Amino acid sequence: MIIFKGIFSGIIATFLFDLYQYSLSYAYNIDKPKWNLVGRYFAGLKNKKFFTEKIDEELPIKNELLIGFLTHYFIGIIFGCIYILFNYIFFKDPSFFLAIIIGFVTVIGGWCVMMPFVYNIGYFASKKDERIQIMIQNLLAHFIFGVGLYAGYIIIN
């Protein structure tokens, strides 16, 4: 039951994360996440390619968008399971505070893995002039992810 609740909570959180990102793209013309590039990167890991220079200039691979979305949702599910497990161990009721903490912890993955290794824009977007804006957008999106973890647990509980 914990696994099912974790999967559900992770999917809800990731969906809200995506909905938020796409609404920003639609409303303010802010770049939406490029899940095809994430798929291209993760597919390249099987060839032991851990670093990319200009992933957007590399040849597309078959089903890279699907691979990117599946990876994105799989990671969301992992954090959903962690959230549910921690709730079962430490709390009687779903903890909003824990959900927000986990949401903010997940942003470290973007800043310290995705940005330098996938997008080649440096740790914490250090190679971009608009790095502060990027980091604030990431914090807000991952806050939404945390809210989604909590909402998913409330719905399924």
N, C-alpha and C. Protein backbone atom coordinates (compact mmCIF):
# COMPACT_ATOMS: atom_id res chain seq x y z
N MET A 1 0.82 -1.20 0.00
CA MET A 1 0.00 0.00 0.00
C MET A 1 0.86 1.26 0.00
N ILE A 2 2.00 1.22 0.70
CA ILE A 2 2.90 2.37 0.74
C ILE A 2 3.40 2.67 -0.67
N ILE A 3 3.77 1.63 -1.41
CA ILE A 3 4.29 1.82 -2.77
C ILE A 3 3.22 2.45 -3.67
N PHE A 4 2.00 1.94 -3.59
CA PHE A 4 0.91 2.49 -4.41
C PHE A 4 0.68 3.96 -4.07
N LYS A 5 0.64 4.28 -2.78
CA LYS A 5 0.45 5.68 -2.38
C LYS A 5 1.61 6.55 -2.85
N GLY A 6 2.83 6.00 -2.78
CA GLY A 6 4.00 6.74 -3.24
C GLY A 6 3.96 6.99 -4.74
N ILE A 7 3.56 5.98 -5.50
CA ILE A 7 3.44 6.13 -6.95
C ILE A 7 2.40 7.21 -7.27
N PHE A 8 1.25 7.12 -6.62
CA PHE A 8 0.18 8.08 -6.87
C PHE A 8 0.62 9.49 -6.50
N SER A 9 1.21 9.64 -5.33
CA SER A 9 1.66 10.96 -4.87
C SER A 9 2.73 11.52 -5.81
N GLY A 10 3.66 10.69 -6.24
CA GLY A 10 4.71 11.13 -7.16
C GLY A 10 4.17 11.56 -8.51
N ILE A 11 3.18 10.81 -9.02
CA ILE A 11 2.59 11.16 -10.31
C ILE A 11 1.82 12.48 -10.20
N ILE A 12 1.04 12.65 -9.14
CA ILE A 12 0.30 13.90 -8.95
C ILE A 12 1.26 15.07 -8.84
N ALA A 13 2.32 14.91 -8.05
CA ALA A 13 3.30 15.99 -7.87
C ALA A 13 3.98 16.35 -9.18
N THR A 14 4.38 15.34 -9.94
CA THR A 14 5.06 15.59 -11.21
C THR A 14 4.11 16.23 -12.21
N PHE A 15 2.86 15.79 -12.22
CA PHE A 15 1.87 16.38 -13.11
C PHE A 15 1.66 17.86 -12.77
N LEU A 16 1.54 18.19 -11.49
CA LEU A 16 1.36 19.60 -11.10
C LEU A 16 2.60 20.42 -11.46
N PHE A 17 3.77 19.83 -11.28
CA PHE A 17 5.03 20.46 -11.68
C PHE A 17 4.97 20.81 -13.17
N ASP A 18 4.59 19.83 -13.99
CA ASP A 18 4.51 20.05 -15.44
C ASP A 18 3.44 21.08 -15.79
N LEU A 19 2.30 20.97 -15.15
CA LEU A 19 1.21 21.92 -15.41
C LEU A 19 1.66 23.34 -15.10
N TYR A 20 2.37 23.52 -14.00
CA TYR A 20 2.89 24.83 -13.64
C TYR A 20 3.88 25.33 -14.70
N GLN A 21 4.80 24.47 -15.10
CA GLN A 21 5.81 24.88 -16.10
C GLN A 21 5.17 25.25 -17.44
N TYR A 22 4.19 24.44 -17.86
CA TYR A 22 3.55 24.73 -19.14
C TYR A 22 2.66 25.97 -19.05
N SER A 23 2.08 26.23 -17.90
CA SER A 23 1.28 27.44 -17.75
C SER A 23 2.17 28.68 -17.80
N LEU A 24 3.36 28.61 -17.23
CA LEU A 24 4.32 29.72 -17.35
C LEU A 24 4.72 29.95 -18.79
N SER A 25 4.93 28.87 -19.49
CA SER A 25 5.30 28.96 -20.90
C SER A 25 4.19 29.62 -21.71
N TYR A 26 2.97 29.22 -21.43
CA TYR A 26 1.82 29.77 -22.16
C TYR A 26 1.56 31.23 -21.78
N ALA A 27 1.56 31.52 -20.49
CA ALA A 27 1.19 32.85 -20.02
C ALA A 27 2.28 33.90 -20.22
N TYR A 28 3.54 33.50 -20.03
CA TYR A 28 4.63 34.49 -20.03
C TYR A 28 5.70 34.21 -21.07
N ASN A 29 5.46 33.22 -21.92
CA ASN A 29 6.42 32.85 -22.97
C ASN A 29 7.80 32.46 -22.39
N ILE A 30 7.78 31.84 -21.22
CA ILE A 30 9.00 31.33 -20.59
C ILE A 30 9.28 29.95 -21.18
N ASP A 31 10.54 29.67 -21.45
CA ASP A 31 10.89 28.37 -22.02
C ASP A 31 10.34 27.24 -21.17
N LYS A 32 9.69 26.29 -21.84
CA LYS A 32 9.19 25.12 -21.13
C LYS A 32 10.31 24.08 -21.07
N PRO A 33 10.21 23.15 -20.14
CA PRO A 33 11.25 22.11 -20.03
C PRO A 33 11.38 21.33 -21.33
N LYS A 34 12.60 20.98 -21.65
CA LYS A 34 12.89 20.23 -22.87
C LYS A 34 13.12 18.77 -22.50
N TRP A 35 12.01 18.06 -22.32
CA TRP A 35 12.11 16.66 -21.88
C TRP A 35 12.73 15.77 -22.95
N ASN A 36 12.68 16.20 -24.20
CA ASN A 36 13.36 15.43 -25.24
C ASN A 36 14.87 15.41 -25.01
N LEU A 37 15.42 16.53 -24.54
CA LEU A 37 16.86 16.57 -24.26
C LEU A 37 17.21 15.71 -23.05
N VAL A 38 16.32 15.66 -22.09
CA VAL A 38 16.52 14.78 -20.93
C VAL A 38 16.52 13.34 -21.40
N GLY A 39 15.60 13.00 -22.28
CA GLY A 39 15.56 11.65 -22.83
C GLY A 39 16.81 11.33 -23.63
N ARG A 40 17.28 12.28 -24.40
CA ARG A 40 18.51 12.10 -25.18
C ARG A 40 19.69 11.85 -24.25
N TYR A 41 19.75 12.62 -23.16
CA TYR A 41 20.84 12.44 -22.20
C TYR A 41 20.78 11.06 -21.54
N PHE A 42 19.62 10.70 -21.00
CA PHE A 42 19.50 9.43 -20.29
C PHE A 42 19.68 8.24 -21.23
N ALA A 43 19.26 8.36 -22.47
CA ALA A 43 19.50 7.29 -23.44
C ALA A 43 21.00 7.18 -23.74
N GLY A 44 21.70 8.30 -23.70
CA GLY A 44 23.15 8.28 -23.94
C GLY A 44 23.94 7.67 -22.81
N LEU A 45 23.35 7.54 -21.63
CA LEU A 45 24.05 6.94 -20.50
C LEU A 45 24.41 5.48 -20.75
N LYS A 46 23.61 4.79 -21.58
CA LYS A 46 23.91 3.39 -21.86
C LYS A 46 25.24 3.25 -22.61
N ASN A 47 25.67 4.33 -23.28
CA ASN A 47 26.96 4.35 -23.98
C ASN A 47 28.04 5.02 -23.12
N LYS A 48 27.76 5.16 -21.84
CA LYS A 48 28.69 5.76 -20.87
C LYS A 48 29.03 7.21 -21.23
N LYS A 49 28.04 7.92 -21.75
CA LYS A 49 28.21 9.33 -22.07
C LYS A 49 27.57 10.13 -20.94
N PHE A 50 28.41 10.60 -20.01
CA PHE A 50 27.92 11.27 -18.81
C PHE A 50 27.92 12.78 -18.93
N PHE A 51 28.68 13.32 -19.86
CA PHE A 51 28.78 14.77 -20.02
C PHE A 51 28.39 15.14 -21.45
N THR A 52 27.72 16.25 -21.61
CA THR A 52 27.37 16.74 -22.94
C THR A 52 27.88 18.17 -23.10
N GLU A 53 28.26 18.48 -24.31
CA GLU A 53 28.69 19.85 -24.60
C GLU A 53 27.51 20.69 -25.07
N LYS A 54 26.86 20.24 -26.13
CA LYS A 54 25.71 20.95 -26.69
C LYS A 54 24.66 19.92 -27.06
N ILE A 55 23.94 19.45 -26.07
CA ILE A 55 23.00 18.36 -26.29
C ILE A 55 21.91 18.75 -27.28
N ASP A 56 21.56 20.03 -27.34
CA ASP A 56 20.53 20.46 -28.27
C ASP A 56 20.99 20.40 -29.72
N GLU A 57 22.30 20.28 -29.95
CA GLU A 57 22.83 20.18 -31.30
C GLU A 57 23.14 18.73 -31.70
N GLU A 58 23.03 17.81 -30.76
CA GLU A 58 23.26 16.40 -31.08
C GLU A 58 22.09 15.85 -31.88
N LEU A 59 22.34 14.78 -32.59
CA LEU A 59 21.29 14.15 -33.37
C LEU A 59 20.21 13.60 -32.46
N PRO A 60 18.95 13.84 -32.80
CA PRO A 60 17.87 13.27 -31.99
C PRO A 60 17.92 11.74 -32.03
N ILE A 61 17.42 11.12 -30.99
CA ILE A 61 17.33 9.67 -30.96
C ILE A 61 15.86 9.27 -30.95
N LYS A 62 15.63 8.05 -31.31
CA LYS A 62 14.27 7.55 -31.39
C LYS A 62 13.63 7.57 -30.00
N ASN A 63 12.43 8.10 -29.90
CA ASN A 63 11.61 8.14 -28.68
C ASN A 63 12.24 8.95 -27.54
N GLU A 64 13.07 9.92 -27.84
CA GLU A 64 13.73 10.69 -26.78
C GLU A 64 12.74 11.46 -25.91
N LEU A 65 11.67 11.98 -26.49
CA LEU A 65 10.68 12.70 -25.69
C LEU A 65 9.99 11.74 -24.72
N LEU A 66 9.62 10.57 -25.19
CA LEU A 66 9.01 9.56 -24.32
C LEU A 66 9.97 9.15 -23.21
N ILE A 67 11.23 8.92 -23.56
CA ILE A 67 12.24 8.55 -22.56
C ILE A 67 12.38 9.66 -21.53
N GLY A 68 12.39 10.91 -21.99
CA GLY A 68 12.50 12.05 -21.09
C GLY A 68 11.34 12.13 -20.12
N PHE A 69 10.12 11.99 -20.64
CA PHE A 69 8.94 12.04 -19.76
C PHE A 69 8.92 10.86 -18.79
N LEU A 70 9.24 9.67 -19.27
CA LEU A 70 9.26 8.50 -18.38
C LEU A 70 10.30 8.66 -17.27
N THR A 71 11.46 9.18 -17.62
CA THR A 71 12.50 9.43 -16.62
C THR A 71 12.02 10.47 -15.61
N HIS A 72 11.44 11.53 -16.09
CA HIS A 72 10.92 12.61 -15.26
C HIS A 72 9.87 12.08 -14.27
N TYR A 73 8.93 11.29 -14.77
CA TYR A 73 7.88 10.76 -13.91
C TYR A 73 8.43 9.67 -12.98
N PHE A 74 9.39 8.88 -13.44
CA PHE A 74 10.00 7.86 -12.59
C PHE A 74 10.70 8.51 -11.39
N ILE A 75 11.43 9.58 -11.64
CA ILE A 75 12.09 10.30 -10.55
C ILE A 75 11.04 10.89 -9.60
N GLY A 76 9.96 11.44 -10.15
CA GLY A 76 8.87 11.95 -9.31
C GLY A 76 8.27 10.85 -8.45
N ILE A 77 8.11 9.67 -9.00
CA ILE A 77 7.57 8.53 -8.26
C ILE A 77 8.52 8.11 -7.14
N ILE A 78 9.81 8.11 -7.41
CA ILE A 78 10.79 7.77 -6.37
C ILE A 78 10.64 8.73 -5.18
N PHE A 79 10.56 10.02 -5.47
CA PHE A 79 10.40 10.99 -4.38
C PHE A 79 9.03 10.87 -3.72
N GLY A 80 8.02 10.50 -4.48
CA GLY A 80 6.71 10.24 -3.88
C GLY A 80 6.78 9.09 -2.89
N CYS A 81 7.48 8.03 -3.24
CA CYS A 81 7.64 6.88 -2.34
C CYS A 81 8.44 7.27 -1.09
N ILE A 82 9.48 8.07 -1.28
CA ILE A 82 10.26 8.54 -0.13
C ILE A 82 9.39 9.36 0.80
N TYR A 83 8.59 10.25 0.23
CA TYR A 83 7.70 11.09 1.03
C TYR A 83 6.71 10.25 1.83
N ILE A 84 6.07 9.30 1.19
CA ILE A 84 5.09 8.46 1.88
C ILE A 84 5.77 7.62 2.95
N LEU A 85 6.92 7.05 2.63
CA LEU A 85 7.64 6.24 3.61
C LEU A 85 8.02 7.06 4.84
N PHE A 86 8.57 8.26 4.63
CA PHE A 86 8.93 9.12 5.76
C PHE A 86 7.71 9.50 6.58
N ASN A 87 6.59 9.73 5.91
CA ASN A 87 5.35 10.03 6.63
C ASN A 87 4.94 8.86 7.52
N TYR A 88 5.00 7.66 6.98
CA TYR A 88 4.63 6.48 7.77
C TYR A 88 5.55 6.29 8.97
N ILE A 89 6.82 6.59 8.81
CA ILE A 89 7.79 6.39 9.89
C ILE A 89 7.69 7.48 10.95
N PHE A 90 7.59 8.74 10.53
CA PHE A 90 7.75 9.84 11.47
C PHE A 90 6.48 10.61 11.84
N PHE A 91 5.42 10.49 11.05
CA PHE A 91 4.24 11.32 11.28
C PHE A 91 2.97 10.49 11.32
N LYS A 92 2.02 10.96 12.08
CA LYS A 92 0.71 10.30 12.15
C LYS A 92 -0.14 10.67 10.94
N ASP A 93 -0.11 11.94 10.55
CA ASP A 93 -0.88 12.44 9.42
C ASP A 93 0.07 12.93 8.34
N PRO A 94 -0.42 13.11 7.10
CA PRO A 94 0.43 13.66 6.04
C PRO A 94 1.04 15.00 6.47
N SER A 95 2.33 15.14 6.25
CA SER A 95 3.05 16.34 6.66
C SER A 95 3.29 17.27 5.47
N PHE A 96 2.69 18.44 5.52
CA PHE A 96 2.92 19.45 4.48
C PHE A 96 4.36 19.93 4.53
N PHE A 97 4.87 20.13 5.74
CA PHE A 97 6.25 20.61 5.92
C PHE A 97 7.25 19.64 5.28
N LEU A 98 7.07 18.35 5.50
CA LEU A 98 7.97 17.35 4.90
C LEU A 98 7.86 17.39 3.38
N ALA A 99 6.66 17.55 2.86
CA ALA A 99 6.47 17.61 1.40
C ALA A 99 7.23 18.80 0.81
N ILE A 100 7.17 19.94 1.46
CA ILE A 100 7.86 21.13 0.97
C ILE A 100 9.38 20.92 1.05
N ILE A 101 9.85 20.33 2.13
CA ILE A 101 11.29 20.05 2.26
C ILE A 101 11.75 19.14 1.13
N ILE A 102 11.01 18.07 0.88
CA ILE A 102 11.39 17.16 -0.21
C ILE A 102 11.32 17.88 -1.55
N GLY A 103 10.32 18.72 -1.74
CA GLY A 103 10.23 19.50 -2.97
C GLY A 103 11.48 20.35 -3.18
N PHE A 104 11.92 21.00 -2.12
CA PHE A 104 13.11 21.84 -2.24
C PHE A 104 14.39 21.01 -2.38
N VAL A 105 14.43 19.84 -1.79
CA VAL A 105 15.60 18.96 -1.94
C VAL A 105 15.73 18.51 -3.40
N THR A 106 14.60 18.27 -4.06
CA THR A 106 14.65 17.81 -5.45
C THR A 106 15.25 18.84 -6.39
N VAL A 107 15.18 20.11 -6.04
CA VAL A 107 15.74 21.14 -6.91
C VAL A 107 17.27 21.01 -6.99
N ILE A 108 17.88 20.43 -5.99
CA ILE A 108 19.34 20.23 -6.02
C ILE A 108 19.73 19.33 -7.20
N GLY A 109 18.89 18.35 -7.51
CA GLY A 109 19.15 17.49 -8.67
C GLY A 109 19.20 18.29 -9.96
N GLY A 110 18.28 19.22 -10.10
CA GLY A 110 18.29 20.08 -11.29
C GLY A 110 19.51 20.97 -11.35
N TRP A 111 19.83 21.57 -10.23
CA TRP A 111 20.96 22.51 -10.19
C TRP A 111 22.32 21.83 -10.31
N CYS A 112 22.44 20.63 -9.74
CA CYS A 112 23.77 20.00 -9.65
C CYS A 112 23.95 18.78 -10.57
N VAL A 113 22.90 18.35 -11.25
CA VAL A 113 23.01 17.24 -12.19
C VAL A 113 22.54 17.68 -13.57
N MET A 114 21.29 18.10 -13.65
CA MET A 114 20.71 18.44 -14.95
C MET A 114 21.41 19.64 -15.61
N MET A 115 21.59 20.71 -14.87
CA MET A 115 22.18 21.91 -15.47
C MET A 115 23.61 21.70 -15.95
N PRO A 116 24.50 21.14 -15.11
CA PRO A 116 25.87 21.00 -15.60
C PRO A 116 26.08 19.84 -16.57
N PHE A 117 25.41 18.72 -16.37
CA PHE A 117 25.71 17.54 -17.17
C PHE A 117 24.81 17.38 -18.39
N VAL A 118 23.55 17.76 -18.28
CA VAL A 118 22.62 17.60 -19.40
C VAL A 118 22.65 18.85 -20.28
N TYR A 119 22.39 19.99 -19.68
CA TYR A 119 22.24 21.23 -20.47
C TYR A 119 23.55 21.99 -20.64
N ASN A 120 24.59 21.61 -19.91
CA ASN A 120 25.90 22.27 -19.97
C ASN A 120 25.80 23.77 -19.73
N ILE A 121 25.02 24.14 -18.70
CA ILE A 121 24.94 25.56 -18.34
C ILE A 121 25.57 25.80 -16.96
N GLY A 122 26.28 24.82 -16.46
CA GLY A 122 27.01 24.95 -15.21
C GLY A 122 26.15 24.65 -13.99
N TYR A 123 26.84 24.41 -12.89
CA TYR A 123 26.14 24.22 -11.61
C TYR A 123 25.39 25.50 -11.29
N PHE A 124 24.16 25.35 -10.85
CA PHE A 124 23.31 26.49 -10.48
C PHE A 124 23.17 27.49 -11.64
N ALA A 125 23.22 26.99 -12.88
CA ALA A 125 23.08 27.81 -14.09
C ALA A 125 24.14 28.91 -14.17
N SER A 126 25.32 28.62 -13.66
CA SER A 126 26.37 29.63 -13.55
C SER A 126 26.86 30.17 -14.89
N LYS A 127 26.62 29.47 -15.98
CA LYS A 127 27.06 29.94 -17.29
C LYS A 127 26.01 30.82 -17.98
N LYS A 128 24.89 31.04 -17.34
CA LYS A 128 23.81 31.83 -17.94
C LYS A 128 23.73 33.20 -17.27
N ASP A 129 23.48 34.22 -18.06
CA ASP A 129 23.31 35.57 -17.51
C ASP A 129 22.07 35.67 -16.63
N GLU A 130 21.03 34.92 -16.99
CA GLU A 130 19.77 34.97 -16.25
C GLU A 130 19.68 33.87 -15.20
N ARG A 131 20.81 33.51 -14.61
CA ARG A 131 20.85 32.38 -13.65
C ARG A 131 19.96 32.60 -12.43
N ILE A 132 19.84 33.81 -11.94
CA ILE A 132 18.98 34.06 -10.78
C ILE A 132 17.52 33.79 -11.15
N GLN A 133 17.08 34.25 -12.31
CA GLN A 133 15.72 33.99 -12.76
C GLN A 133 15.49 32.49 -12.93
N ILE A 134 16.44 31.79 -13.50
CA ILE A 134 16.32 30.34 -13.69
C ILE A 134 16.19 29.64 -12.35
N MET A 135 17.03 30.03 -11.40
CA MET A 135 17.00 29.38 -10.09
C MET A 135 15.70 29.67 -9.35
N ILE A 136 15.19 30.88 -9.45
CA ILE A 136 13.91 31.22 -8.80
C ILE A 136 12.78 30.42 -9.44
N GLN A 137 12.77 30.33 -10.77
CA GLN A 137 11.74 29.52 -11.44
C GLN A 137 11.83 28.06 -11.00
N ASN A 138 13.05 27.54 -10.87
CA ASN A 138 13.22 26.16 -10.39
C ASN A 138 12.71 25.99 -8.97
N LEU A 139 13.02 26.95 -8.11
CA LEU A 139 12.53 26.86 -6.73
C LEU A 139 11.00 26.86 -6.68
N LEU A 140 10.38 27.72 -7.46
CA LEU A 140 8.92 27.77 -7.48
C LEU A 140 8.33 26.46 -8.02
N ALA A 141 8.91 25.94 -9.10
CA ALA A 141 8.40 24.70 -9.68
C ALA A 141 8.54 23.54 -8.69
N HIS A 142 9.64 23.49 -7.98
CA HIS A 142 9.86 22.40 -7.03
C HIS A 142 9.03 22.60 -5.75
N PHE A 143 8.69 23.83 -5.43
CA PHE A 143 7.72 24.08 -4.37
C PHE A 143 6.37 23.48 -4.78
N ILE A 144 5.98 23.71 -6.02
CA ILE A 144 4.74 23.14 -6.56
C ILE A 144 4.81 21.61 -6.50
N PHE A 145 5.97 21.04 -6.81
CA PHE A 145 6.15 19.59 -6.71
C PHE A 145 5.88 19.13 -5.28
N GLY A 146 6.43 19.85 -4.31
CA GLY A 146 6.20 19.50 -2.90
C GLY A 146 4.73 19.59 -2.53
N VAL A 147 4.05 20.63 -2.99
CA VAL A 147 2.61 20.76 -2.74
C VAL A 147 1.88 19.57 -3.37
N GLY A 148 2.33 19.15 -4.55
CA GLY A 148 1.74 18.01 -5.22
C GLY A 148 1.93 16.71 -4.46
N LEU A 149 3.10 16.55 -3.82
CA LEU A 149 3.31 15.36 -3.00
C LEU A 149 2.27 15.29 -1.89
N TYR A 150 2.11 16.42 -1.22
CA TYR A 150 1.13 16.49 -0.13
C TYR A 150 -0.29 16.26 -0.65
N ALA A 151 -0.64 16.94 -1.75
CA ALA A 151 -1.99 16.79 -2.31
C ALA A 151 -2.25 15.36 -2.73
N GLY A 152 -1.26 14.72 -3.35
CA GLY A 152 -1.43 13.33 -3.76
C GLY A 152 -1.68 12.41 -2.57
N TYR A 153 -0.97 12.66 -1.48
CA TYR A 153 -1.14 11.83 -0.28
C TYR A 153 -2.50 12.09 0.36
N ILE A 154 -2.93 13.33 0.39
CA ILE A 154 -4.25 13.66 0.95
C ILE A 154 -5.35 12.99 0.12
N ILE A 155 -5.23 13.04 -1.19
CA ILE A 155 -6.24 12.44 -2.07
C ILE A 155 -6.33 10.93 -1.85
N ILE A 156 -5.19 10.27 -1.77
CA ILE A 156 -5.16 8.81 -1.71
C ILE A 156 -5.39 8.29 -0.29
N ASN A 157 -5.20 9.14 0.68
CA ASN A 157 -5.29 8.69 2.08
C ASN A 157 -6.68 8.51 2.49
